[in-house]
Amino acid sequence: MNIVFIGSGNVTAILGRKFVAAGHKIMQIYSRNASAASELAYEWDTESTNYISMITKDADVYIISVSDNSIEPLAKELHLPGKVVAHTAGAVSKDVLQAVTPHYGVFYPLQTLRKESPHLPDTPIFVEAATEQAQLVLDNLAATISHNHEVHHVTELQREKLHVTAVVVNNLVNHLYTLVEAFCKAEGVDFKQLLPLIQETTERVNNSSPALVQTGPAIRHDEVTLNKHLELLHNYPQLKKIYKTISDSIEGKAL
């Protein structure tokens, strides 16, 4: 397929690389960030523009991958009647695109994506479409880059629920890593010594329910160890508060 990207950030970079690897052609990249668009255009031997009026009308599908709060104002300037247009956001309604074209939808990659990544991660794609034409095009596109060519159809509510859970297991957990890394640096502990534990914890949930593999002092109701840990975290009130809140949740205490 011939594809135009609207946006030049992390999602565009990784999806674009996946599309190119699957044999698709990136016809153009539009972005207000001219340097970022030019860099990706050079990588894919294509053209870029930072003028919305210069977006080509000859592509098969247009993928909007900009910040959530930029989608609606962008859609008010974009007119692509008859074309298939989709945004990639997890928490924005597809209907913000209804004035752009009748054939609009969502092409939601459920993955953490960073353009600096040295590899192309397995990326499940969740599709929501307003018309059969949009559904067919987006399904076919998703199948070329999804694991085992699987395409998932979702309603808007299902997608929003997926998005909130994705934020918890990725963004919130990563924030915990950030706080722990800061503690380690301050207290003379090597954060990298925790990596085998992190990897083993992640590996376990591939084969078991998280509820069945929970370990640690809170599940054992080991109040002596819990209190000792809270004392060690005395100078780190943010991490201490999170530690206690989650430990109380594990113990089943009312929060």
Protein backbone atom coordinates (compact mmCIF):
# COMPACT_ATOMS: atom_id res chain seq x y z
CA MET A 1 0.00 0.00 0.00
CA ASN A 2 0.97 3.64 -0.44
CA ILE A 3 0.94 5.32 2.96
CA VAL A 4 1.13 8.91 4.18
CA PHE A 5 2.07 9.58 7.80
CA ILE A 6 0.78 12.66 9.56
CA GLY A 7 3.17 13.10 12.46
CA SER A 8 6.87 12.31 12.88
CA GLY A 9 7.24 10.92 16.40
CA ASN A 10 7.85 7.52 17.95
CA VAL A 11 4.75 5.81 16.56
CA THR A 12 5.42 7.01 13.02
CA ALA A 13 9.06 5.90 13.19
CA ILE A 14 8.36 2.34 14.37
CA LEU A 15 5.19 1.73 12.35
CA GLY A 16 6.88 3.21 9.29
CA ARG A 17 9.84 0.87 9.64
CA LYS A 18 7.47 -2.05 10.01
CA PHE A 19 5.51 -0.99 6.93
CA VAL A 20 8.67 -0.61 4.86
CA ALA A 21 9.90 -4.03 6.02
CA ALA A 22 6.53 -5.48 4.96
CA GLY A 23 6.88 -4.05 1.45
CA HIS A 24 4.68 -0.97 1.70
CA LYS A 25 5.70 2.45 0.38
CA ILE A 26 5.76 5.55 2.56
CA MET A 27 4.74 8.23 0.04
CA GLN A 28 5.08 11.23 2.34
CA ILE A 29 5.47 12.44 5.91
CA TYR A 30 3.69 15.56 7.08
CA SER A 31 4.78 17.16 10.34
CA ARG A 32 5.07 20.59 11.87
CA ASN A 33 8.47 19.38 13.07
CA ALA A 34 10.24 19.76 9.73
CA SER A 35 13.59 18.35 10.88
CA ALA A 36 12.05 15.17 12.35
CA ALA A 37 9.98 14.64 9.20
CA SER A 38 13.03 15.19 6.98
CA GLU A 39 15.06 12.69 8.98
CA LEU A 40 12.45 9.95 8.54
CA ALA A 41 11.92 10.89 4.88
CA TYR A 42 15.65 10.47 4.28
CA GLU A 43 15.58 7.06 6.00
CA TRP A 44 12.71 5.88 3.79
CA ASP A 45 13.80 7.66 0.60
CA THR A 46 10.60 9.66 0.39
CA GLU A 47 9.41 13.26 0.76
CA SER A 48 8.28 15.35 3.68
CA THR A 49 6.31 18.54 4.13
CA ASN A 50 5.30 20.82 6.96
CA TYR A 51 2.41 22.37 5.03
CA ILE A 52 -0.92 20.63 5.47
CA SER A 53 -2.05 21.94 2.08
CA MET A 54 0.81 20.02 0.46
CA ILE A 55 -0.27 16.59 1.69
CA THR A 56 -0.58 14.33 -1.35
CA LYS A 57 -4.04 13.04 -2.25
CA ASP A 58 -2.70 9.90 -3.98
CA ALA A 59 -2.13 7.52 -1.05
CA ASP A 60 -4.17 4.44 -0.12
CA VAL A 61 -4.22 5.18 3.60
CA TYR A 62 -3.33 8.08 5.88
CA ILE A 63 -2.07 7.37 9.40
CA ILE A 64 -2.33 10.18 11.94
CA SER A 65 0.16 9.68 14.75
CA VAL A 66 0.30 12.92 16.72
CA SER A 67 -0.35 13.72 20.38
CA ASP A 68 -3.90 12.98 21.54
CA ASN A 69 -4.83 16.62 22.03
CA SER A 70 -3.57 17.51 18.54
CA ILE A 71 -5.80 15.07 16.64
CA GLU A 72 -9.06 17.00 16.74
CA PRO A 73 -7.65 20.43 15.73
CA LEU A 74 -5.63 18.74 12.99
CA ALA A 75 -8.73 16.96 11.70
CA LYS A 76 -10.46 20.33 11.28
CA GLU A 77 -7.80 21.31 8.74
CA LEU A 78 -7.57 17.97 6.95
CA HIS A 79 -9.88 17.06 4.08
CA LEU A 80 -9.38 13.73 2.31
CA PRO A 81 -12.80 12.72 0.95
CA GLY A 82 -12.94 9.11 -0.20
CA LYS A 83 -9.62 8.21 1.40
CA VAL A 84 -9.03 5.88 4.38
CA VAL A 85 -7.75 7.87 7.35
CA ALA A 86 -7.00 6.54 10.83
CA HIS A 87 -5.39 7.83 14.00
CA THR A 88 -3.28 5.70 16.35
CA ALA A 89 -4.45 6.94 19.77
CA GLY A 90 -5.76 4.64 22.47
CA ALA A 91 -8.06 7.11 24.20
CA VAL A 92 -9.44 9.32 21.40
CA SER A 93 -12.73 8.59 19.61
CA LYS A 94 -12.53 7.70 15.94
CA ASP A 95 -15.37 10.15 15.34
CA VAL A 96 -13.03 13.14 15.58
CA LEU A 97 -12.14 12.20 11.99
CA GLN A 98 -15.67 12.06 10.59
CA ALA A 99 -15.35 15.40 8.78
CA VAL A 100 -12.08 14.34 7.14
CA THR A 101 -13.53 11.40 5.18
CA PRO A 102 -16.40 8.91 5.49
CA HIS A 103 -13.82 6.12 5.67
CA TYR A 104 -12.15 6.83 9.00
CA GLY A 105 -11.03 4.70 11.91
CA VAL A 106 -8.41 3.83 14.49
CA PHE A 107 -5.20 1.87 13.96
CA TYR A 108 -4.06 1.37 17.57
CA PRO A 109 -0.68 -0.30 18.22
CA LEU A 110 -0.69 -1.80 21.72
CA GLN A 111 3.00 -1.40 22.39
CA THR A 112 5.51 1.02 23.86
CA LEU A 113 7.27 2.56 20.87
CA ARG A 114 10.43 4.68 20.76
CA LYS A 115 12.12 5.69 17.54
CA GLU A 116 15.57 5.04 19.06
CA SER A 117 14.73 1.35 19.56
CA PRO A 118 17.29 -0.92 17.83
CA HIS A 119 14.62 -3.50 17.04
CA LEU A 120 11.01 -3.58 15.85
CA PRO A 121 8.92 -4.95 18.72
CA ASP A 122 6.01 -7.34 18.33
CA THR A 123 3.07 -4.99 17.99
CA PRO A 124 -0.55 -6.13 18.23
CA ILE A 125 -2.80 -3.84 16.19
CA PHE A 126 -6.36 -3.05 17.26
CA VAL A 127 -8.63 -1.75 14.52
CA GLU A 128 -11.87 0.19 14.73
CA ALA A 129 -13.51 1.49 11.55
CA ALA A 130 -16.53 3.53 10.48
CA THR A 131 -17.13 1.81 7.12
CA GLU A 132 -16.51 -1.53 5.46
CA GLN A 133 -13.97 0.07 3.14
CA ALA A 134 -11.98 1.49 6.05
CA GLN A 135 -12.23 -1.84 7.88
CA LEU A 136 -10.90 -3.78 4.90
CA VAL A 137 -7.97 -1.46 4.24
CA LEU A 138 -6.94 -1.14 7.89
CA ASP A 139 -7.33 -4.90 8.49
CA ASN A 140 -5.15 -5.71 5.49
CA LEU A 141 -2.53 -3.19 6.56
CA ALA A 142 -2.50 -4.44 10.16
CA ALA A 143 -2.17 -8.07 9.07
CA THR A 144 1.12 -7.31 7.33
CA ILE A 145 2.85 -6.15 10.51
CA SER A 146 1.01 -7.92 13.37
CA HIS A 147 2.32 -11.06 15.07
CA ASN A 148 1.06 -14.14 13.17
CA HIS A 149 -0.90 -11.70 10.95
CA GLU A 150 -3.51 -11.36 13.69
CA VAL A 151 -5.84 -8.36 13.59
CA HIS A 152 -8.01 -7.44 16.56
CA HIS A 153 -11.33 -5.61 16.23
CA VAL A 154 -12.42 -3.48 19.17
CA THR A 155 -15.15 -1.07 20.14
CA GLU A 156 -14.24 2.37 21.40
CA LEU A 157 -14.91 1.33 25.01
CA GLN A 158 -12.80 -1.82 24.67
CA ARG A 159 -9.94 0.23 23.24
CA GLU A 160 -10.15 2.72 26.10
CA LYS A 161 -10.02 -0.14 28.62
CA LEU A 162 -7.00 -1.61 26.85
CA HIS A 163 -5.34 1.78 26.91
CA VAL A 164 -5.77 2.32 30.66
CA THR A 165 -4.41 -1.15 31.42
CA ALA A 166 -1.50 -0.54 29.06
CA VAL A 167 -0.65 2.65 30.95
CA VAL A 168 -0.67 0.76 34.25
CA VAL A 169 1.52 -2.19 33.18
CA ASN A 170 3.93 -0.07 31.16
CA ASN A 171 4.07 3.60 32.17
CA LEU A 172 3.29 3.19 35.86
CA VAL A 173 5.56 0.19 36.29
CA ASN A 174 8.35 2.04 34.47
CA HIS A 175 7.88 4.96 36.87
CA LEU A 176 8.50 2.53 39.72
CA TYR A 177 11.72 1.50 38.01
CA THR A 178 12.64 5.18 37.79
CA LEU A 179 12.11 5.74 41.52
CA VAL A 180 14.00 2.55 42.40
CA GLU A 181 16.90 3.52 40.14
CA ALA A 182 17.13 6.89 41.91
CA PHE A 183 17.12 5.11 45.29
CA CYS A 184 19.87 2.76 44.10
CA LYS A 185 22.08 5.62 42.91
CA ALA A 186 21.65 7.49 46.18
CA GLU A 187 22.22 4.43 48.37
CA GLY A 188 25.14 2.85 46.50
CA VAL A 189 23.23 -0.09 45.04
CA ASP A 190 23.65 -1.23 41.42
CA PHE A 191 20.23 -1.07 39.72
CA LYS A 192 21.44 -3.49 37.03
CA GLN A 193 21.68 -6.22 39.68
CA LEU A 194 17.86 -6.16 39.69
CA LEU A 195 17.51 -6.87 35.96
CA PRO A 196 17.45 -10.70 36.25
CA LEU A 197 14.63 -10.36 38.80
CA ILE A 198 12.69 -7.98 36.54
CA GLN A 199 13.09 -10.33 33.59
CA GLU A 200 12.02 -13.39 35.60
CA THR A 201 8.93 -11.59 36.92
CA THR A 202 7.94 -10.63 33.38
CA GLU A 203 8.57 -14.14 32.11
CA ARG A 204 6.31 -15.71 34.73
CA VAL A 205 3.20 -13.87 33.56
CA ASN A 206 3.67 -15.37 30.10
CA ASN A 207 2.55 -18.69 31.52
CA SER A 208 0.62 -17.96 34.72
CA SER A 209 -1.90 -15.56 36.15
CA PRO A 210 -0.11 -12.74 38.03
CA ALA A 211 -2.28 -13.54 41.05
CA LEU A 212 -0.82 -17.05 41.21
CA VAL A 213 2.83 -15.99 41.14
CA GLN A 214 2.74 -13.14 43.66
CA THR A 215 5.63 -13.33 46.14
CA GLY A 216 7.15 -11.02 48.75
CA PRO A 217 6.60 -9.90 52.34
CA ALA A 218 3.11 -8.43 51.77
CA ILE A 219 1.58 -11.68 50.48
CA ARG A 220 3.15 -13.44 53.51
CA HIS A 221 1.84 -10.73 55.88
CA ASP A 222 5.41 -10.27 57.13
CA GLU A 223 4.88 -7.04 59.06
CA VAL A 224 8.41 -7.03 60.50
CA THR A 225 10.01 -6.90 57.04
CA LEU A 226 7.43 -4.46 55.71
CA ASN A 227 8.09 -2.04 58.56
CA LYS A 228 11.86 -2.40 58.11
CA HIS A 229 11.50 -1.54 54.43
CA LEU A 230 9.35 1.50 55.20
CA GLU A 231 12.04 2.71 57.59
CA LEU A 232 14.72 2.27 54.91
CA LEU A 233 12.57 4.40 52.60
CA HIS A 234 12.14 7.17 55.17
CA ASN A 235 14.10 9.69 53.09
CA TYR A 236 12.23 8.77 49.91
CA PRO A 237 8.62 9.74 50.71
CA GLN A 238 7.28 9.20 47.17
CA LEU A 239 8.65 5.67 46.91
CA LYS A 240 7.66 4.97 50.53
CA LYS A 241 4.05 6.01 49.88
CA ILE A 242 3.81 3.80 46.77
CA TYR A 243 5.44 0.89 48.60
CA LYS A 244 2.91 1.10 51.43
CA THR A 245 -0.11 1.61 49.15
CA ILE A 246 0.70 -1.38 46.96
CA SER A 247 1.69 -3.56 49.92
CA ASP A 248 -1.61 -2.77 51.61
CA SER A 249 -3.40 -3.73 48.38
CA ILE A 250 -1.52 -7.05 48.23
CA GLU A 251 -2.38 -7.76 51.87
CA GLY A 252 -6.03 -7.03 51.12
CA LYS A 253 -6.31 -4.07 53.46
CA ALA A 254 -8.92 -1.42 52.77
CA LEU A 255 -7.34 1.60 51.10
